[in-house]
C-alpha cells in the first residue's frame, strides 16, 4: 500500500547533491528506503518545493542537479520579492502587528500613517522575514497605542552615505594600526548601540539585554566597561 499525501520541501536549493539524488529517485520510482529498513516504501505524494535561490544559476554552477530541477519545474510559481510588491507591505505589517500584540499580550496597537509610508518606502533586502522582525521589535518598543517611525528603526540610505552627503568613514577616528583602529571603532559602536537601546526601553536593562541578544551578566559587564552603569 502506497503512502499518500503532500510533501513540502523548504529551501530545496540548499540540499547537498547526494540528498538531491535520493529525492530524484523517490520522485521517479515513487519509493524510498527508510533508514534501518529492509523493504522499500511506496509513496504517492504531491511534492511542493520552495527556495529563494536562483536554481537555473545553481544548475549552471553544478550546485543543483539539472534532472531534479526539470522534474520539479512542472508548475513553477514565482513570488516576487517584497520590494516589488509594495502594495502587500501594509497588509503584512498589520497582520504582524496583530499577531505580536497577541503573542506579547499587549493592547492592540495601530500603525501610524507615517509608519505605513516608511514601511512602503523601504527596500526590504531581508524580504518578509525582515519585515516580521521589524514589526516584532516595534511592538516591543512601542510605549503608546500607535507605532511611530522611530519604533521601526528603518534606514532609507542604500549607499551608506550620511544625511549630509559626507562619507561616514571620514567621521571615524582611524588613526594608529589596524588593530588599534578596529578596537577603538568597535568600542565606540558598542557604546552608541547600548546607549540607543537603553534610551528606547527607558532604562530597562533586562529588556535591553534581550533585544541585544546577550545575557544580563554580559550586558552588565559591558555597561561597566563603557561607564554606562551609573
N, C-alpha and C. Protein backbone atom coordinates (compact mmCIF):
# COMPACT_ATOMS: atom_id res chain seq x y z
N UNK A 1 0.84 -1.20 0.00
CA UNK A 1 0.00 0.00 0.00
C UNK A 1 0.87 1.24 0.00
N UNK A 2 0.59 2.17 -0.89
CA UNK A 2 1.42 3.38 -1.01
C UNK A 2 0.98 4.43 0.00
N UNK A 3 1.96 5.14 0.53
CA UNK A 3 1.68 6.25 1.45
C UNK A 3 1.32 7.47 0.61
N UNK A 4 0.15 8.08 0.90
CA UNK A 4 -0.32 9.21 0.13
C UNK A 4 -0.31 10.47 0.97
N UNK A 5 -0.19 11.62 0.28
CA UNK A 5 -0.23 12.90 0.98
C UNK A 5 0.52 13.97 0.20
N UNK A 6 0.80 15.07 0.88
CA UNK A 6 1.54 16.18 0.28
C UNK A 6 2.83 16.38 1.06
N UNK A 7 3.94 16.48 0.37
CA UNK A 7 5.25 16.66 1.00
C UNK A 7 5.79 18.04 0.64
N UNK A 8 6.13 18.81 1.67
CA UNK A 8 6.68 20.15 1.47
C UNK A 8 8.19 20.12 1.72
N UNK A 9 8.95 20.63 0.77
CA UNK A 9 10.41 20.73 0.92
C UNK A 9 10.79 22.20 0.89
N UNK A 10 11.25 22.71 2.02
CA UNK A 10 11.63 24.12 2.11
C UNK A 10 13.11 24.27 1.82
N UNK A 11 13.49 25.36 1.15
CA UNK A 11 14.88 25.66 0.80
C UNK A 11 15.56 24.48 0.11
N UNK A 12 14.92 24.00 -0.93
CA UNK A 12 15.47 22.85 -1.65
C UNK A 12 16.80 23.19 -2.33
N UNK A 13 17.02 24.48 -2.58
CA UNK A 13 18.27 24.90 -3.21
C UNK A 13 19.49 24.71 -2.33
N UNK A 14 19.28 24.48 -1.02
CA UNK A 14 20.40 24.29 -0.09
C UNK A 14 20.74 22.82 0.14
N UNK A 15 20.00 21.92 -0.48
CA UNK A 15 20.23 20.49 -0.24
C UNK A 15 21.52 20.03 -0.91
N UNK A 16 22.31 19.17 -0.24
CA UNK A 16 23.52 18.63 -0.86
C UNK A 16 23.17 17.73 -2.04
N UNK A 17 24.13 17.58 -2.94
CA UNK A 17 23.87 16.81 -4.17
C UNK A 17 23.48 15.37 -3.87
N UNK A 18 24.06 14.78 -2.85
CA UNK A 18 23.73 13.38 -2.53
C UNK A 18 22.26 13.24 -2.14
N UNK A 19 21.76 14.18 -1.39
CA UNK A 19 20.36 14.13 -0.98
C UNK A 19 19.45 14.45 -2.17
N UNK A 20 19.91 15.32 -3.06
CA UNK A 20 19.13 15.63 -4.27
C UNK A 20 18.91 14.35 -5.10
N UNK A 21 19.96 13.55 -5.17
CA UNK A 21 19.86 12.30 -5.94
C UNK A 21 18.83 11.36 -5.34
N UNK A 22 18.76 11.31 -4.01
CA UNK A 22 17.78 10.44 -3.34
C UNK A 22 16.36 10.95 -3.56
N UNK A 23 16.20 12.27 -3.54
CA UNK A 23 14.87 12.83 -3.78
C UNK A 23 14.43 12.54 -5.21
N UNK A 24 15.36 12.69 -6.16
CA UNK A 24 15.04 12.40 -7.56
C UNK A 24 14.61 10.94 -7.73
N UNK A 25 15.32 10.07 -7.09
CA UNK A 25 14.98 8.64 -7.19
C UNK A 25 13.59 8.38 -6.60
N UNK A 26 13.29 9.02 -5.47
CA UNK A 26 11.98 8.83 -4.85
C UNK A 26 10.86 9.33 -5.75
N UNK A 27 11.13 10.45 -6.46
CA UNK A 27 10.13 11.00 -7.38
C UNK A 27 9.92 10.08 -8.57
N UNK A 28 11.03 9.61 -9.13
CA UNK A 28 10.96 8.78 -10.34
C UNK A 28 10.38 7.40 -10.04
N UNK A 29 10.83 6.76 -8.97
CA UNK A 29 10.43 5.39 -8.67
C UNK A 29 9.25 5.31 -7.72
N UNK A 30 8.89 6.48 -7.13
CA UNK A 30 7.80 6.53 -6.15
C UNK A 30 8.02 5.55 -5.01
N UNK A 31 9.26 5.48 -4.57
CA UNK A 31 9.60 4.63 -3.43
C UNK A 31 10.90 5.14 -2.81
N UNK A 32 11.14 4.77 -1.56
CA UNK A 32 12.39 5.13 -0.90
C UNK A 32 12.69 4.10 0.18
N UNK A 33 13.96 4.06 0.55
CA UNK A 33 14.40 3.13 1.59
C UNK A 33 14.47 3.86 2.92
N UNK A 34 13.70 3.41 3.89
CA UNK A 34 13.72 4.01 5.21
C UNK A 34 15.00 3.62 5.93
N UNK A 35 15.55 4.56 6.71
CA UNK A 35 16.77 4.29 7.46
C UNK A 35 16.53 3.10 8.39
N UNK A 36 17.36 2.09 8.24
CA UNK A 36 17.23 0.89 9.07
C UNK A 36 16.23 -0.11 8.52
N UNK A 37 15.52 0.25 7.46
CA UNK A 37 14.53 -0.65 6.88
C UNK A 37 15.13 -1.59 5.87
N UNK A 38 14.42 -2.63 5.55
CA UNK A 38 14.89 -3.63 4.57
C UNK A 38 14.00 -3.70 3.34
N UNK A 39 12.83 -3.05 3.43
CA UNK A 39 11.88 -3.10 2.31
C UNK A 39 11.56 -1.68 1.84
N UNK A 40 11.66 -1.39 0.54
CA UNK A 40 11.32 -0.05 0.05
C UNK A 40 9.87 0.30 0.35
N UNK A 41 9.63 1.56 0.71
CA UNK A 41 8.29 2.04 0.99
C UNK A 41 7.74 2.73 -0.25
N UNK A 42 6.53 2.39 -0.64
CA UNK A 42 5.89 3.00 -1.80
C UNK A 42 5.21 4.31 -1.38
N UNK A 43 5.34 5.34 -2.21
CA UNK A 43 4.74 6.64 -1.90
C UNK A 43 4.00 7.17 -3.12
N UNK A 44 2.94 7.89 -2.85
CA UNK A 44 2.17 8.57 -3.89
C UNK A 44 1.84 9.95 -3.35
N UNK A 45 2.77 10.89 -3.53
CA UNK A 45 2.64 12.19 -2.88
C UNK A 45 2.70 13.34 -3.89
N UNK A 46 2.11 14.42 -3.49
CA UNK A 46 2.24 15.68 -4.22
C UNK A 46 3.41 16.42 -3.59
N UNK A 47 4.41 16.77 -4.38
CA UNK A 47 5.62 17.40 -3.86
C UNK A 47 5.58 18.90 -4.11
N UNK A 48 5.70 19.69 -3.05
CA UNK A 48 5.74 21.14 -3.14
C UNK A 48 7.11 21.60 -2.63
N UNK A 49 7.93 22.17 -3.49
CA UNK A 49 9.29 22.59 -3.12
C UNK A 49 9.40 24.11 -3.20
N UNK A 50 10.15 24.68 -2.26
CA UNK A 50 10.32 26.13 -2.23
C UNK A 50 11.79 26.48 -2.03
N UNK A 51 12.19 27.61 -2.58
CA UNK A 51 13.55 28.09 -2.40
C UNK A 51 13.63 29.57 -2.77
N UNK A 52 14.60 30.27 -2.20
CA UNK A 52 14.85 31.66 -2.61
C UNK A 52 16.11 31.75 -3.46
N UNK A 53 16.63 30.58 -3.85
CA UNK A 53 17.84 30.53 -4.68
C UNK A 53 17.47 30.62 -6.17
N UNK A 54 18.43 31.04 -6.97
CA UNK A 54 18.27 31.05 -8.43
C UNK A 54 18.68 29.66 -8.92
N UNK A 55 17.71 28.76 -9.05
CA UNK A 55 18.04 27.38 -9.38
C UNK A 55 18.70 27.21 -10.75
N UNK A 56 18.25 27.94 -11.81
CA UNK A 56 18.98 27.81 -13.08
C UNK A 56 20.45 28.18 -12.96
N UNK A 57 20.75 29.21 -12.16
CA UNK A 57 22.15 29.59 -11.94
C UNK A 57 22.87 28.50 -11.14
N UNK A 58 22.17 27.90 -10.18
CA UNK A 58 22.78 26.82 -9.38
C UNK A 58 23.05 25.60 -10.25
N UNK A 59 22.15 25.35 -11.22
CA UNK A 59 22.39 24.25 -12.16
C UNK A 59 23.63 24.52 -12.99
N UNK A 60 23.76 25.76 -13.47
CA UNK A 60 24.94 26.13 -14.25
C UNK A 60 26.22 26.03 -13.46
N UNK A 61 26.14 26.26 -12.15
CA UNK A 61 27.33 26.18 -11.29
C UNK A 61 27.54 24.77 -10.74
N UNK A 62 26.73 23.81 -11.20
CA UNK A 62 26.81 22.42 -10.77
C UNK A 62 26.56 22.26 -9.28
N UNK A 63 25.72 23.14 -8.73
CA UNK A 63 25.35 23.05 -7.32
C UNK A 63 23.96 22.44 -7.15
N UNK A 64 23.26 22.29 -8.25
CA UNK A 64 21.93 21.68 -8.22
C UNK A 64 21.76 20.80 -9.45
N UNK A 65 21.20 19.64 -9.24
CA UNK A 65 21.04 18.67 -10.33
C UNK A 65 20.05 19.19 -11.37
N UNK A 66 20.46 19.14 -12.64
CA UNK A 66 19.60 19.62 -13.72
C UNK A 66 18.37 18.73 -13.87
N UNK A 67 18.56 17.39 -13.74
CA UNK A 67 17.42 16.49 -13.90
C UNK A 67 16.39 16.69 -12.80
N UNK A 68 16.84 16.98 -11.58
CA UNK A 68 15.90 17.24 -10.49
C UNK A 68 15.19 18.58 -10.71
N UNK A 69 15.94 19.57 -11.21
CA UNK A 69 15.33 20.88 -11.48
C UNK A 69 14.17 20.76 -12.46
N UNK A 70 14.40 20.05 -13.57
CA UNK A 70 13.34 19.90 -14.57
C UNK A 70 12.20 19.03 -14.04
N UNK A 71 12.52 18.08 -13.17
CA UNK A 71 11.47 17.22 -12.62
C UNK A 71 10.56 18.01 -11.67
N UNK A 72 11.13 19.00 -11.00
CA UNK A 72 10.36 19.81 -10.05
C UNK A 72 9.61 20.96 -10.73
N UNK A 73 10.08 21.34 -11.91
CA UNK A 73 9.52 22.53 -12.58
C UNK A 73 8.28 22.21 -13.39
N UNK A 74 7.40 21.39 -12.84
CA UNK A 74 6.16 21.05 -13.54
C UNK A 74 5.21 22.25 -13.55
N UNK A 75 5.07 22.88 -12.38
CA UNK A 75 4.18 24.04 -12.27
C UNK A 75 4.85 25.07 -11.36
N UNK A 76 5.80 25.84 -11.90
CA UNK A 76 6.52 26.80 -11.06
C UNK A 76 5.67 28.02 -10.71
N UNK A 77 5.81 28.51 -9.50
CA UNK A 77 5.15 29.73 -9.05
C UNK A 77 6.23 30.66 -8.52
N UNK A 78 6.38 31.79 -9.16
CA UNK A 78 7.40 32.76 -8.74
C UNK A 78 6.75 33.85 -7.90
N UNK A 79 7.26 34.02 -6.69
CA UNK A 79 6.77 35.06 -5.80
C UNK A 79 7.79 36.20 -5.79
N UNK A 80 7.44 37.37 -6.29
CA UNK A 80 8.40 38.49 -6.35
C UNK A 80 8.85 38.90 -4.96
N UNK A 81 10.05 39.46 -4.84
CA UNK A 81 10.49 39.96 -3.54
C UNK A 81 9.58 41.08 -3.05
N UNK A 82 9.62 41.34 -1.77
CA UNK A 82 8.70 42.30 -1.16
C UNK A 82 8.84 43.69 -1.77
N UNK A 83 10.05 44.07 -2.15
CA UNK A 83 10.27 45.40 -2.72
C UNK A 83 9.54 45.59 -4.04
N UNK A 84 9.19 44.48 -4.71
CA UNK A 84 8.49 44.57 -5.99
C UNK A 84 6.98 44.45 -5.86
N UNK A 85 6.48 44.33 -4.64
CA UNK A 85 5.04 44.27 -4.41
C UNK A 85 4.72 45.10 -3.16
N UNK A 86 5.00 46.38 -3.28
CA UNK A 86 4.84 47.29 -2.14
C UNK A 86 3.41 47.34 -1.62
N UNK A 87 2.44 46.99 -2.47
CA UNK A 87 1.05 47.03 -2.02
C UNK A 87 0.77 45.97 -0.94
N UNK A 88 1.64 44.95 -0.85
CA UNK A 88 1.46 43.91 0.16
C UNK A 88 2.06 44.30 1.51
N UNK A 89 2.94 45.29 1.52
CA UNK A 89 3.66 45.63 2.75
C UNK A 89 2.72 46.04 3.87
N UNK A 90 1.80 47.00 3.67
CA UNK A 90 0.90 47.38 4.77
C UNK A 90 0.04 46.21 5.26
N UNK A 91 -0.42 45.36 4.33
CA UNK A 91 -1.25 44.21 4.72
C UNK A 91 -0.48 43.27 5.63
N UNK A 92 0.76 42.96 5.24
CA UNK A 92 1.59 42.08 6.05
C UNK A 92 1.95 42.74 7.38
N UNK A 93 2.24 44.05 7.33
CA UNK A 93 2.62 44.76 8.55
C UNK A 93 1.49 44.74 9.58
N UNK A 94 0.28 45.01 9.14
CA UNK A 94 -0.87 44.98 10.05
C UNK A 94 -1.10 43.58 10.60
N UNK A 95 -0.88 42.57 9.77
CA UNK A 95 -1.01 41.18 10.24
C UNK A 95 -0.01 40.89 11.36
N UNK A 96 1.25 41.30 11.14
CA UNK A 96 2.28 41.05 12.15
C UNK A 96 2.03 41.85 13.43
N UNK A 97 1.52 43.08 13.29
CA UNK A 97 1.20 43.88 14.47
C UNK A 97 0.16 43.15 15.32
N UNK A 98 -0.90 42.68 14.68
CA UNK A 98 -1.95 41.97 15.40
C UNK A 98 -1.42 40.69 16.04
N UNK A 99 -0.59 39.99 15.29
CA UNK A 99 -0.04 38.72 15.78
C UNK A 99 0.84 38.92 17.00
N UNK A 100 1.76 39.91 16.94
CA UNK A 100 2.70 40.09 18.04
C UNK A 100 2.04 40.76 19.25
N UNK A 101 1.02 41.55 19.03
CA UNK A 101 0.28 42.10 20.16
C UNK A 101 -0.36 40.95 20.96
N UNK A 102 -0.89 39.97 20.26
CA UNK A 102 -1.49 38.82 20.93
C UNK A 102 -0.42 37.96 21.59
N UNK A 103 0.69 37.72 20.87
CA UNK A 103 1.75 36.87 21.43
C UNK A 103 2.37 37.50 22.68
N UNK A 104 2.54 38.83 22.66
CA UNK A 104 3.18 39.53 23.77
C UNK A 104 2.18 40.04 24.80
N UNK A 105 0.89 39.72 24.56
CA UNK A 105 -0.18 40.12 25.48
C UNK A 105 -0.17 41.64 25.72
N UNK A 106 -0.04 42.37 24.61
CA UNK A 106 -0.08 43.83 24.68
C UNK A 106 -1.41 44.32 24.13
N UNK A 107 -1.86 45.51 24.56
CA UNK A 107 -3.09 46.08 23.98
C UNK A 107 -2.92 46.25 22.47
N UNK A 108 -4.02 46.22 21.76
CA UNK A 108 -3.97 46.35 20.30
C UNK A 108 -3.32 47.67 19.90
N UNK A 109 -2.32 47.59 19.03
CA UNK A 109 -1.60 48.77 18.56
C UNK A 109 -2.02 49.11 17.14
N UNK A 110 -1.78 50.36 16.77
CA UNK A 110 -2.05 50.82 15.41
C UNK A 110 -0.75 51.27 14.75
N UNK A 111 -0.73 51.17 13.45
CA UNK A 111 0.38 51.73 12.67
C UNK A 111 -0.01 53.15 12.25
N UNK A 112 0.84 54.12 12.56
CA UNK A 112 0.55 55.48 12.13
C UNK A 112 0.69 55.58 10.62
N UNK A 113 0.11 56.61 10.04
CA UNK A 113 0.19 56.80 8.59
C UNK A 113 1.64 56.96 8.15
N UNK A 114 2.43 57.70 8.94
CA UNK A 114 3.85 57.89 8.61
C UNK A 114 4.62 56.57 8.69
N UNK A 115 4.22 55.71 9.61
CA UNK A 115 4.87 54.40 9.72
C UNK A 115 4.57 53.56 8.49
N UNK A 116 3.33 53.58 8.03
CA UNK A 116 2.97 52.84 6.82
C UNK A 116 3.76 53.35 5.63
N UNK A 117 3.92 54.67 5.53
CA UNK A 117 4.68 55.24 4.41
C UNK A 117 6.14 54.84 4.50
N UNK A 118 6.70 54.84 5.71
CA UNK A 118 8.10 54.45 5.89
C UNK A 118 8.31 52.99 5.52
N UNK A 119 7.38 52.14 5.90
CA UNK A 119 7.47 50.72 5.58
C UNK A 119 7.38 50.50 4.07
N UNK A 120 6.50 51.23 3.41
CA UNK A 120 6.32 51.07 1.96
C UNK A 120 7.50 51.61 1.17
N UNK A 121 8.20 52.60 1.72
CA UNK A 121 9.33 53.21 1.02
C UNK A 121 10.62 52.43 1.22
N UNK A 122 10.66 51.52 2.19
CA UNK A 122 11.89 50.78 2.49
C UNK A 122 12.08 49.65 1.48
N UNK A 123 13.35 49.31 1.18
CA UNK A 123 13.64 48.32 0.13
C UNK A 123 13.50 46.88 0.60
N UNK A 124 13.54 46.60 1.87
CA UNK A 124 13.42 45.26 2.44
C UNK A 124 14.35 44.23 1.82
N UNK A 125 15.66 44.42 1.99
CA UNK A 125 16.60 43.43 1.46
C UNK A 125 16.45 42.06 2.11
N UNK A 126 15.91 42.04 3.34
CA UNK A 126 15.69 40.76 4.03
C UNK A 126 14.32 40.17 3.80
N UNK A 127 13.54 40.79 2.89
CA UNK A 127 12.22 40.29 2.50
C UNK A 127 11.25 40.22 3.67
N UNK A 128 10.30 39.28 3.61
CA UNK A 128 9.22 39.23 4.60
C UNK A 128 9.75 38.96 6.00
N UNK A 129 10.81 38.18 6.11
CA UNK A 129 11.36 37.87 7.43
C UNK A 129 11.89 39.13 8.10
N UNK A 130 12.50 40.02 7.32
CA UNK A 130 12.98 41.28 7.89
C UNK A 130 11.81 42.14 8.35
N UNK A 131 10.73 42.17 7.55
CA UNK A 131 9.53 42.92 7.95
C UNK A 131 8.96 42.35 9.24
N UNK A 132 8.90 41.05 9.35
CA UNK A 132 8.38 40.41 10.56
C UNK A 132 9.21 40.81 11.78
N UNK A 133 10.53 40.74 11.67
CA UNK A 133 11.40 41.11 12.79
C UNK A 133 11.25 42.58 13.14
N UNK A 134 11.10 43.42 12.11
CA UNK A 134 10.95 44.86 12.31
C UNK A 134 9.68 45.16 13.12
N UNK A 135 8.58 44.52 12.75
CA UNK A 135 7.32 44.77 13.44
C UNK A 135 7.35 44.21 14.86
N UNK A 136 7.97 43.06 15.04
CA UNK A 136 8.06 42.49 16.39
C UNK A 136 8.82 43.44 17.32
N UNK A 137 9.94 43.97 16.82
CA UNK A 137 10.72 44.92 17.63
C UNK A 137 9.90 46.18 17.92
N UNK A 138 9.17 46.66 16.91
CA UNK A 138 8.36 47.86 17.10
C UNK A 138 7.28 47.66 18.14
N UNK A 139 6.65 46.50 18.13
CA UNK A 139 5.60 46.20 19.11
C UNK A 139 6.20 46.17 20.52
N UNK A 140 7.39 45.62 20.64
CA UNK A 140 8.05 45.56 21.96
C UNK A 140 8.39 46.96 22.45
N UNK A 141 8.88 47.82 21.55
CA UNK A 141 9.37 49.13 21.95
C UNK A 141 8.26 50.18 22.09
N UNK A 142 7.14 49.95 21.43
CA UNK A 142 6.08 50.98 21.42
C UNK A 142 5.50 51.17 22.82
N UNK A 143 5.56 52.43 23.30
CA UNK A 143 5.06 52.74 24.64
C UNK A 143 3.71 53.44 24.61
N UNK A 144 3.19 53.67 23.39
CA UNK A 144 1.88 54.29 23.22
C UNK A 144 0.96 53.31 22.51
N UNK A 145 -0.17 53.78 22.03
CA UNK A 145 -1.10 52.91 21.31
C UNK A 145 -0.88 52.94 19.81
N UNK A 146 0.12 53.72 19.36
CA UNK A 146 0.36 53.86 17.92
C UNK A 146 1.85 53.73 17.62
N UNK A 147 2.17 52.86 16.68
CA UNK A 147 3.57 52.65 16.28
C UNK A 147 4.00 53.78 15.37
N UNK A 148 5.08 54.46 15.76
CA UNK A 148 5.63 55.57 15.01
C UNK A 148 6.89 55.14 14.25
N UNK A 149 7.34 55.93 13.26
CA UNK A 149 8.55 55.55 12.51
C UNK A 149 9.77 55.32 13.40
N UNK A 150 9.87 56.04 14.54
CA UNK A 150 11.04 55.87 15.40
C UNK A 150 11.09 54.47 16.03
N UNK A 151 9.94 53.78 16.07
CA UNK A 151 9.94 52.43 16.60
C UNK A 151 10.40 51.40 15.56
N UNK A 152 10.44 51.78 14.31
CA UNK A 152 10.73 50.83 13.23
C UNK A 152 12.22 50.67 12.97
N UNK A 153 12.98 51.72 13.23
CA UNK A 153 14.44 51.69 13.01
C UNK A 153 14.79 51.33 11.56
N UNK A 154 14.18 52.04 10.64
CA UNK A 154 14.46 51.83 9.23
C UNK A 154 15.44 52.89 8.74
N UNK A 155 16.28 52.50 7.79
CA UNK A 155 17.21 53.44 7.18
C UNK A 155 16.97 53.45 5.69
N UNK A 156 16.74 54.63 5.13
CA UNK A 156 16.49 54.73 3.68
C UNK A 156 17.76 54.92 2.90
N UNK A 157 18.91 54.99 3.59
CA UNK A 157 20.18 55.19 2.90
C UNK A 157 20.67 53.86 2.36
N UNK A 158 20.68 53.71 1.06
CA UNK A 158 21.12 52.45 0.45
C UNK A 158 22.58 52.48 0.05
N UNK A 159 23.19 53.66 0.01
CA UNK A 159 24.58 53.73 -0.43
C UNK A 159 25.54 53.96 0.72
N UNK A 160 25.04 54.03 1.94
CA UNK A 160 25.90 54.19 3.09
C UNK A 160 26.29 55.62 3.36
N UNK A 161 25.81 56.57 2.60
CA UNK A 161 26.17 57.97 2.81
C UNK A 161 25.41 58.53 4.00
N UNK A 162 26.00 59.49 4.68
CA UNK A 162 25.33 60.13 5.81
C UNK A 162 24.32 61.11 5.28
N UNK A 163 23.36 61.59 6.13
CA UNK A 163 22.32 62.50 5.65
C UNK A 163 22.87 63.74 4.97
N UNK A 164 24.02 64.19 5.39
CA UNK A 164 24.58 65.40 4.80
C UNK A 164 25.39 65.13 3.55
N UNK A 165 25.46 63.85 3.14
CA UNK A 165 26.21 63.51 1.95
C UNK A 165 27.67 63.21 2.23
N UNK A 166 28.11 63.29 3.50
CA UNK A 166 29.50 63.04 3.83
C UNK A 166 29.73 61.56 4.03
N UNK A 167 30.91 61.09 3.60
CA UNK A 167 31.27 59.69 3.78
C UNK A 167 31.36 59.41 5.28
N UNK A 168 30.57 58.45 5.82
CA UNK A 168 30.59 58.20 7.26
C UNK A 168 31.95 57.76 7.78
N UNK A 169 32.80 57.17 6.91
CA UNK A 169 34.12 56.75 7.37
C UNK A 169 35.02 57.94 7.71
N UNK A 170 34.72 59.09 7.12
CA UNK A 170 35.50 60.28 7.42
C UNK A 170 35.20 60.81 8.82
N UNK A 171 34.10 60.36 9.41
CA UNK A 171 33.73 60.79 10.74
C UNK A 171 34.38 59.94 11.83
N UNK A 172 35.02 58.83 11.44
CA UNK A 172 35.62 57.93 12.40
C UNK A 172 37.10 58.21 12.59
N UNK A 173 37.57 57.94 13.78
CA UNK A 173 38.99 58.09 14.10
C UNK A 173 39.70 56.80 13.71
N UNK A 174 40.40 56.82 12.57
CA UNK A 174 41.08 55.63 12.06
C UNK A 174 42.58 55.68 12.28
N UNK A 175 43.02 56.50 13.20
CA UNK A 175 44.45 56.65 13.46
C UNK A 175 45.02 55.38 14.07
N UNK A 176 46.35 55.20 13.91
CA UNK A 176 47.03 54.06 14.51
C UNK A 176 47.04 52.84 13.62
N UNK A 177 47.40 51.72 14.22
CA UNK A 177 47.46 50.47 13.47
C UNK A 177 46.05 49.95 13.18
N UNK A 178 46.00 48.91 12.34
CA UNK A 178 44.70 48.31 12.02
C UNK A 178 44.03 47.77 13.27
N UNK A 179 44.80 47.11 14.12
CA UNK A 179 44.23 46.55 15.35
C UNK A 179 43.74 47.65 16.27
N UNK A 180 44.52 48.71 16.43
CA UNK A 180 44.14 49.81 17.30
C UNK A 180 42.85 50.49 16.81
N UNK A 181 42.79 50.73 15.50
CA UNK A 181 41.60 51.38 14.94
C UNK A 181 40.37 50.48 15.08
N UNK A 182 40.55 49.17 14.87
CA UNK A 182 39.43 48.23 14.96
C UNK A 182 38.87 48.19 16.38
N UNK A 183 39.77 48.12 17.36
CA UNK A 183 39.34 48.07 18.76
C UNK A 183 38.62 49.36 19.14
N UNK A 184 39.14 50.50 18.69
CA UNK A 184 38.55 51.80 19.03
C UNK A 184 37.15 51.92 18.42
N UNK A 185 37.02 51.58 17.14
CA UNK A 185 35.74 51.71 16.45
C UNK A 185 34.71 50.75 17.03
N UNK A 186 35.15 49.52 17.35
CA UNK A 186 34.23 48.55 17.93
C UNK A 186 33.71 49.05 19.27
N UNK A 187 34.59 49.63 20.06
CA UNK A 187 34.16 50.16 21.35
C UNK A 187 33.17 51.30 21.21
N UNK A 188 33.43 52.19 20.24
CA UNK A 188 32.51 53.32 20.01
C UNK A 188 31.15 52.82 19.54
N UNK A 189 31.17 51.80 18.69
CA UNK A 189 29.92 51.24 18.19
C UNK A 189 29.11 50.62 19.33
N UNK A 190 29.78 49.81 20.17
CA UNK A 190 29.09 49.15 21.28
C UNK A 190 28.47 50.18 22.21
N UNK A 191 29.23 51.20 22.56
CA UNK A 191 28.73 52.21 23.50
C UNK A 191 27.51 52.94 22.92
N UNK A 192 27.60 53.29 21.64
CA UNK A 192 26.49 54.01 21.00
C UNK A 192 25.26 53.12 20.92
N UNK A 193 25.45 51.84 20.54
CA UNK A 193 24.32 50.93 20.39
C UNK A 193 23.64 50.69 21.72
N UNK A 194 24.41 50.45 22.77
CA UNK A 194 23.84 50.20 24.09
C UNK A 194 23.08 51.42 24.59
N UNK A 195 23.67 52.60 24.39
CA UNK A 195 23.01 53.84 24.81
C UNK A 195 21.69 54.03 24.09
N UNK A 196 21.69 53.75 22.79
CA UNK A 196 20.47 53.90 21.98
C UNK A 196 19.37 52.96 22.46
N UNK A 197 19.71 51.70 22.70
CA UNK A 197 18.70 50.72 23.12
C UNK A 197 18.17 51.05 24.51
N UNK A 198 19.05 51.46 25.42
CA UNK A 198 18.61 51.83 26.75
C UNK A 198 17.64 53.01 26.71
N UNK A 199 17.90 53.94 25.81
CA UNK A 199 17.01 55.09 25.67
C UNK A 199 15.64 54.63 25.16
N UNK A 200 15.65 53.68 24.23
CA UNK A 200 14.39 53.22 23.64
C UNK A 200 13.52 52.46 24.66
N UNK A 201 14.16 51.71 25.55
CA UNK A 201 13.40 50.91 26.51
C UNK A 201 13.31 51.61 27.87
N UNK A 202 13.67 52.90 27.87
CA UNK A 202 13.56 53.72 29.08
C UNK A 202 14.32 53.14 30.27
N UNK A 203 15.53 52.67 29.99
CA UNK A 203 16.40 52.21 31.05
C UNK A 203 16.18 50.80 31.54
N UNK A 204 15.27 50.05 30.90
CA UNK A 204 15.00 48.67 31.32
C UNK A 204 16.17 47.79 30.84
N UNK A 205 17.08 47.47 31.76
CA UNK A 205 18.30 46.75 31.38
C UNK A 205 18.02 45.31 30.95
N UNK A 206 17.06 44.68 31.58
CA UNK A 206 16.73 43.30 31.21
C UNK A 206 16.18 43.24 29.79
N UNK A 207 15.29 44.17 29.45
CA UNK A 207 14.74 44.20 28.10
C UNK A 207 15.81 44.60 27.09
N UNK A 208 16.69 45.52 27.46
CA UNK A 208 17.77 45.94 26.56
C UNK A 208 18.69 44.76 26.24
N UNK A 209 19.04 43.98 27.26
CA UNK A 209 19.90 42.81 27.04
C UNK A 209 19.21 41.80 26.11
N UNK A 210 17.89 41.64 26.30
CA UNK A 210 17.14 40.72 25.46
C UNK A 210 17.14 41.17 24.00
N UNK A 211 16.94 42.47 23.77
CA UNK A 211 16.92 43.00 22.40
C UNK A 211 18.30 42.88 21.75
N UNK A 212 19.35 42.99 22.54
CA UNK A 212 20.72 42.90 22.01
C UNK A 212 21.20 41.46 21.91
N UNK A 213 20.36 40.51 22.35
CA UNK A 213 20.68 39.09 22.27
C UNK A 213 21.95 38.73 23.06
N UNK A 214 22.10 39.31 24.25
CA UNK A 214 23.21 38.95 25.13
C UNK A 214 22.64 38.69 26.52
N UNK A 215 23.37 37.98 27.34
CA UNK A 215 22.88 37.65 28.68
C UNK A 215 22.92 38.89 29.57
N UNK A 216 22.06 38.95 30.60
CA UNK A 216 22.09 40.08 31.53
C UNK A 216 23.46 40.28 32.17
N UNK A 217 24.17 39.17 32.42
CA UNK A 217 25.50 39.27 33.02
C UNK A 217 26.49 39.96 32.07
N UNK A 218 26.48 39.53 30.80
CA UNK A 218 27.37 40.17 29.81
C UNK A 218 26.98 41.63 29.59
N UNK A 219 25.68 41.89 29.66
CA UNK A 219 25.21 43.27 29.48
C UNK A 219 25.72 44.15 30.62
N UNK A 220 25.66 43.63 31.83
CA UNK A 220 26.16 44.38 32.99
C UNK A 220 27.65 44.65 32.86
N UNK A 221 28.39 43.67 32.33
CA UNK A 221 29.84 43.84 32.13
C UNK A 221 30.13 44.94 31.12
N UNK A 222 29.34 44.97 30.04
CA UNK A 222 29.55 45.99 29.01
C UNK A 222 29.15 47.38 29.53
N UNK A 223 28.12 47.45 30.37
CA UNK A 223 27.75 48.73 30.96
C UNK A 223 28.90 49.29 31.78
N UNK A 224 29.53 48.41 32.56
CA UNK A 224 30.66 48.84 33.38
C UNK A 224 31.85 49.21 32.51
N UNK A 225 32.09 48.42 31.47
CA UNK A 225 33.22 48.65 30.57
C UNK A 225 33.12 50.01 29.88
N UNK A 226 31.89 50.39 29.49
CA UNK A 226 31.68 51.65 28.78
C UNK A 226 31.23 52.78 29.70
N UNK A 227 31.31 52.52 31.01
CA UNK A 227 30.95 53.51 32.02
C UNK A 227 29.51 54.02 31.86
N UNK A 228 28.63 53.06 31.61
CA UNK A 228 27.21 53.38 31.46
C UNK A 228 26.38 52.85 32.62
N UNK A 229 27.06 52.34 33.65
CA UNK A 229 26.36 51.72 34.76
C UNK A 229 26.02 52.69 35.88
N UNK A 230 26.20 53.94 35.65
CA UNK A 230 25.93 54.93 36.70
C UNK A 230 24.46 55.36 36.69
